[in-house]
């Protein structure tokens, strides 16, 4: 998860619970997640009221799924972008 938005510190929620707390721009956090679909949202740090999302994010085996929070909170343009990069066997990151 990469915070590249013009927004303050956030918590990233997975299925309604904080999976990452106090993430600030331009930082990122790497998680190892089970395969399946996760409902992802972004909330102000310490809250669970989404500023962005929830959005379904598909987690696949042997895939690096990168979720970007971008845009501007003040301008009302916050958005999520998802990038997937297949990992070859033996090239785990």
N, C-alpha and C. Protein backbone atom coordinates (compact mmCIF):
# COMPACT_ATOMS: atom_id res chain seq x y z
N UNK A 1 0.86 -1.17 0.00
CA UNK A 1 0.00 0.00 0.00
C UNK A 1 0.90 1.23 0.00
N UNK A 2 0.64 2.14 -0.95
CA UNK A 2 1.45 3.35 -1.08
C UNK A 2 0.57 4.59 -0.94
N UNK A 3 0.96 5.47 -0.03
CA UNK A 3 0.25 6.73 0.20
C UNK A 3 0.95 7.81 -0.62
N UNK A 4 0.34 8.21 -1.73
CA UNK A 4 0.90 9.26 -2.57
C UNK A 4 -0.10 10.41 -2.75
N UNK A 5 -1.07 10.49 -1.84
CA UNK A 5 -2.12 11.50 -1.92
C UNK A 5 -1.74 12.76 -1.15
N UNK A 6 -2.35 13.87 -1.55
CA UNK A 6 -2.25 15.11 -0.80
C UNK A 6 -3.30 14.99 0.32
N UNK A 7 -2.90 14.30 1.37
CA UNK A 7 -3.81 14.02 2.49
C UNK A 7 -2.96 13.75 3.73
N UNK A 8 -3.54 13.93 4.91
CA UNK A 8 -2.79 13.67 6.14
C UNK A 8 -2.59 12.17 6.35
N UNK A 9 -2.03 11.84 7.48
CA UNK A 9 -1.81 10.46 7.90
C UNK A 9 -3.11 9.67 7.87
N UNK A 10 -3.05 8.42 7.40
CA UNK A 10 -4.24 7.60 7.26
C UNK A 10 -4.04 6.20 7.85
N UNK A 11 -5.16 5.54 8.09
CA UNK A 11 -5.18 4.12 8.40
C UNK A 11 -5.76 3.43 7.18
N UNK A 12 -5.23 2.26 6.86
CA UNK A 12 -5.76 1.47 5.76
C UNK A 12 -6.55 0.32 6.37
N UNK A 13 -7.81 0.24 5.98
CA UNK A 13 -8.71 -0.77 6.53
C UNK A 13 -8.84 -1.94 5.56
N UNK A 14 -8.78 -3.14 6.09
CA UNK A 14 -9.01 -4.35 5.31
C UNK A 14 -10.20 -5.06 5.96
N UNK A 15 -11.27 -5.19 5.20
CA UNK A 15 -12.51 -5.79 5.72
C UNK A 15 -12.98 -5.09 7.00
N UNK A 16 -12.83 -3.75 7.03
CA UNK A 16 -13.35 -2.95 8.13
C UNK A 16 -12.43 -2.75 9.31
N UNK A 17 -11.29 -3.46 9.36
CA UNK A 17 -10.36 -3.34 10.48
C UNK A 17 -9.04 -2.72 10.00
N UNK A 18 -8.39 -1.96 10.88
CA UNK A 18 -7.13 -1.30 10.51
C UNK A 18 -6.04 -2.35 10.28
N UNK A 19 -5.55 -2.42 9.05
CA UNK A 19 -4.44 -3.32 8.71
C UNK A 19 -3.12 -2.56 8.75
N UNK A 20 -3.20 -1.26 8.48
CA UNK A 20 -2.03 -0.38 8.53
C UNK A 20 -2.49 0.89 9.25
N UNK A 21 -1.67 1.38 10.18
CA UNK A 21 -2.04 2.60 10.89
C UNK A 21 -0.98 3.67 10.69
N UNK A 22 -1.44 4.91 10.68
CA UNK A 22 -0.57 6.09 10.65
C UNK A 22 0.37 6.12 9.45
N UNK A 23 -0.17 5.83 8.27
CA UNK A 23 0.62 5.85 7.03
C UNK A 23 0.61 7.27 6.48
N UNK A 24 1.80 7.80 6.20
CA UNK A 24 1.91 9.17 5.68
C UNK A 24 2.54 9.17 4.29
N UNK A 25 2.21 10.19 3.50
CA UNK A 25 2.79 10.39 2.19
C UNK A 25 4.25 10.77 2.39
N UNK A 26 5.22 10.17 1.74
CA UNK A 26 5.19 9.25 0.61
C UNK A 26 5.47 7.80 1.01
N UNK A 27 5.10 7.39 2.19
CA UNK A 27 5.47 6.07 2.69
C UNK A 27 4.63 4.95 2.10
N UNK A 28 5.12 3.74 2.30
CA UNK A 28 4.41 2.54 1.87
C UNK A 28 4.63 1.45 2.91
N UNK A 29 3.72 0.48 2.94
CA UNK A 29 3.82 -0.66 3.85
C UNK A 29 3.50 -1.91 3.05
N UNK A 30 4.29 -2.95 3.27
CA UNK A 30 4.08 -4.22 2.58
C UNK A 30 3.42 -5.21 3.53
N UNK A 31 2.38 -5.88 3.03
CA UNK A 31 1.67 -6.89 3.80
C UNK A 31 1.68 -8.20 3.02
N UNK A 32 1.67 -9.31 3.74
CA UNK A 32 1.46 -10.61 3.12
C UNK A 32 0.04 -11.02 3.46
N UNK A 33 -0.77 -11.21 2.43
CA UNK A 33 -2.20 -11.45 2.62
C UNK A 33 -2.61 -12.77 1.98
N UNK A 34 -3.68 -13.38 2.51
CA UNK A 34 -4.20 -14.60 1.88
C UNK A 34 -4.86 -14.25 0.55
N UNK A 35 -4.94 -15.22 -0.34
CA UNK A 35 -5.62 -14.99 -1.61
C UNK A 35 -7.11 -14.78 -1.37
N UNK A 36 -7.73 -14.07 -2.29
CA UNK A 36 -9.16 -13.78 -2.17
C UNK A 36 -9.41 -12.31 -2.39
N UNK A 37 -10.60 -11.87 -2.03
CA UNK A 37 -10.98 -10.48 -2.20
C UNK A 37 -11.04 -9.79 -0.84
N UNK A 38 -10.42 -8.63 -0.76
CA UNK A 38 -10.41 -7.83 0.46
C UNK A 38 -11.13 -6.52 0.18
N UNK A 39 -11.98 -6.11 1.11
CA UNK A 39 -12.62 -4.81 1.03
C UNK A 39 -11.67 -3.80 1.65
N UNK A 40 -11.09 -2.93 0.82
CA UNK A 40 -10.09 -1.96 1.29
C UNK A 40 -10.68 -0.56 1.36
N UNK A 41 -10.29 0.17 2.39
CA UNK A 41 -10.72 1.55 2.55
C UNK A 41 -9.59 2.33 3.22
N UNK A 42 -9.65 3.64 3.07
CA UNK A 42 -8.68 4.53 3.69
C UNK A 42 -9.46 5.48 4.60
N UNK A 43 -9.00 5.61 5.85
CA UNK A 43 -9.65 6.47 6.83
C UNK A 43 -8.61 7.36 7.49
N UNK A 44 -9.05 8.48 8.04
CA UNK A 44 -8.14 9.32 8.82
C UNK A 44 -7.60 8.48 9.97
N UNK A 45 -6.33 8.69 10.32
CA UNK A 45 -5.71 7.91 11.39
C UNK A 45 -6.56 7.93 12.65
N UNK A 46 -6.77 6.73 13.20
CA UNK A 46 -7.53 6.58 14.43
C UNK A 46 -9.03 6.48 14.24
N UNK A 47 -9.49 6.49 12.97
CA UNK A 47 -10.92 6.38 12.71
C UNK A 47 -11.20 5.20 11.77
N UNK A 48 -12.46 4.86 11.62
CA UNK A 48 -12.85 3.81 10.66
C UNK A 48 -13.85 4.34 9.65
N UNK A 49 -14.07 5.66 9.63
CA UNK A 49 -14.98 6.28 8.67
C UNK A 49 -14.21 6.52 7.37
N UNK A 50 -14.51 5.77 6.30
CA UNK A 50 -13.71 5.86 5.08
C UNK A 50 -13.71 7.24 4.43
N UNK A 51 -12.50 7.71 4.12
CA UNK A 51 -12.33 8.89 3.27
C UNK A 51 -12.33 8.44 1.82
N UNK A 52 -12.00 7.17 1.63
CA UNK A 52 -11.84 6.57 0.32
C UNK A 52 -12.23 5.11 0.41
N UNK A 53 -13.09 4.67 -0.49
CA UNK A 53 -13.51 3.26 -0.48
C UNK A 53 -14.78 3.10 0.33
N UNK A 54 -15.15 1.89 0.63
CA UNK A 54 -14.39 0.67 0.38
C UNK A 54 -14.43 0.25 -1.08
N UNK A 55 -13.35 -0.46 -1.46
CA UNK A 55 -13.23 -1.00 -2.81
C UNK A 55 -12.73 -2.43 -2.70
N UNK A 56 -13.25 -3.31 -3.51
CA UNK A 56 -12.80 -4.69 -3.51
C UNK A 56 -11.45 -4.79 -4.22
N UNK A 57 -10.48 -5.41 -3.54
CA UNK A 57 -9.16 -5.62 -4.10
C UNK A 57 -8.91 -7.12 -4.13
N UNK A 58 -8.60 -7.64 -5.30
CA UNK A 58 -8.37 -9.07 -5.49
C UNK A 58 -6.90 -9.39 -5.20
N UNK A 59 -6.69 -10.36 -4.30
CA UNK A 59 -5.34 -10.79 -3.95
C UNK A 59 -5.12 -12.17 -4.56
N UNK A 60 -4.16 -12.27 -5.47
CA UNK A 60 -3.89 -13.53 -6.18
C UNK A 60 -2.56 -14.13 -5.71
N UNK A 61 -2.46 -15.43 -5.84
CA UNK A 61 -1.25 -16.16 -5.48
C UNK A 61 -0.09 -15.72 -6.38
N UNK A 62 1.10 -15.60 -5.79
CA UNK A 62 2.33 -15.23 -6.50
C UNK A 62 2.19 -13.93 -7.28
N UNK A 63 1.50 -12.98 -6.69
CA UNK A 63 1.30 -11.68 -7.33
C UNK A 63 1.54 -10.56 -6.33
N UNK A 64 2.29 -9.57 -6.75
CA UNK A 64 2.49 -8.37 -5.95
C UNK A 64 1.36 -7.42 -6.33
N UNK A 65 0.44 -7.18 -5.42
CA UNK A 65 -0.68 -6.29 -5.66
C UNK A 65 -0.37 -4.97 -4.96
N UNK A 66 -0.21 -3.91 -5.74
CA UNK A 66 0.15 -2.61 -5.19
C UNK A 66 -1.08 -1.71 -5.26
N UNK A 67 -1.48 -1.18 -4.11
CA UNK A 67 -2.64 -0.29 -4.05
C UNK A 67 -2.14 1.11 -3.72
N UNK A 68 -2.48 2.05 -4.57
CA UNK A 68 -2.08 3.45 -4.39
C UNK A 68 -3.29 4.26 -3.94
N UNK A 69 -3.12 5.09 -2.93
CA UNK A 69 -4.09 6.12 -2.59
C UNK A 69 -3.51 7.42 -3.13
N UNK A 70 -4.26 8.07 -4.04
CA UNK A 70 -3.73 9.28 -4.68
C UNK A 70 -4.84 10.33 -4.79
N UNK A 71 -4.47 11.50 -5.24
CA UNK A 71 -5.41 12.61 -5.36
C UNK A 71 -5.26 13.58 -4.21
N UNK A 72 -6.29 14.38 -4.00
CA UNK A 72 -6.25 15.43 -2.97
C UNK A 72 -7.49 15.36 -2.10
N UNK A 73 -7.29 15.31 -0.79
CA UNK A 73 -8.41 15.34 0.15
C UNK A 73 -9.14 16.68 0.05
N UNK A 74 -8.38 17.78 0.02
CA UNK A 74 -8.98 19.11 -0.02
C UNK A 74 -9.80 19.33 -1.29
N UNK A 75 -9.33 18.77 -2.41
CA UNK A 75 -10.03 18.95 -3.68
C UNK A 75 -11.11 17.90 -3.93
N UNK A 76 -11.23 16.93 -3.02
CA UNK A 76 -12.23 15.87 -3.18
C UNK A 76 -11.92 14.92 -4.32
N UNK A 77 -10.63 14.74 -4.61
CA UNK A 77 -10.24 13.88 -5.74
C UNK A 77 -9.51 12.61 -5.30
N UNK A 78 -9.66 12.20 -4.06
CA UNK A 78 -8.99 10.97 -3.61
C UNK A 78 -9.48 9.78 -4.42
N UNK A 79 -8.56 8.88 -4.75
CA UNK A 79 -8.90 7.69 -5.52
C UNK A 79 -7.91 6.58 -5.21
N UNK A 80 -8.31 5.36 -5.54
CA UNK A 80 -7.43 4.20 -5.41
C UNK A 80 -7.06 3.69 -6.80
N UNK A 81 -5.83 3.27 -6.96
CA UNK A 81 -5.39 2.60 -8.18
C UNK A 81 -4.73 1.30 -7.75
N UNK A 82 -4.98 0.23 -8.50
CA UNK A 82 -4.42 -1.07 -8.19
C UNK A 82 -3.53 -1.52 -9.34
N UNK A 83 -2.31 -1.93 -9.00
CA UNK A 83 -1.35 -2.45 -9.98
C UNK A 83 -1.01 -3.88 -9.55
N UNK A 84 -1.00 -4.82 -10.48
CA UNK A 84 -0.60 -6.19 -10.16
C UNK A 84 0.62 -6.57 -10.97
N UNK A 85 1.57 -7.21 -10.29
CA UNK A 85 2.80 -7.64 -10.92
C UNK A 85 2.99 -9.12 -10.60
N UNK A 86 2.88 -9.99 -11.60
CA UNK A 86 3.10 -11.42 -11.35
C UNK A 86 4.55 -11.66 -10.91
N UNK A 87 4.72 -12.50 -9.91
CA UNK A 87 6.06 -12.84 -9.43
C UNK A 87 6.44 -14.22 -9.95
N UNK A 88 7.64 -14.32 -10.47
CA UNK A 88 8.12 -15.61 -10.91
C UNK A 88 8.55 -16.41 -9.70
N UNK A 89 8.40 -17.72 -9.76
CA UNK A 89 8.81 -18.59 -8.67
C UNK A 89 10.28 -18.32 -8.36
N UNK A 90 10.58 -18.12 -7.09
CA UNK A 90 11.95 -17.85 -6.67
C UNK A 90 12.29 -16.37 -6.61
N UNK A 91 11.34 -15.49 -7.00
CA UNK A 91 11.57 -14.05 -6.96
C UNK A 91 10.58 -13.37 -6.05
N UNK A 92 10.52 -13.79 -4.83
CA UNK A 92 9.58 -13.21 -3.86
C UNK A 92 10.15 -11.91 -3.33
N UNK A 93 9.28 -10.93 -3.13
CA UNK A 93 9.69 -9.62 -2.60
C UNK A 93 8.98 -9.37 -1.31
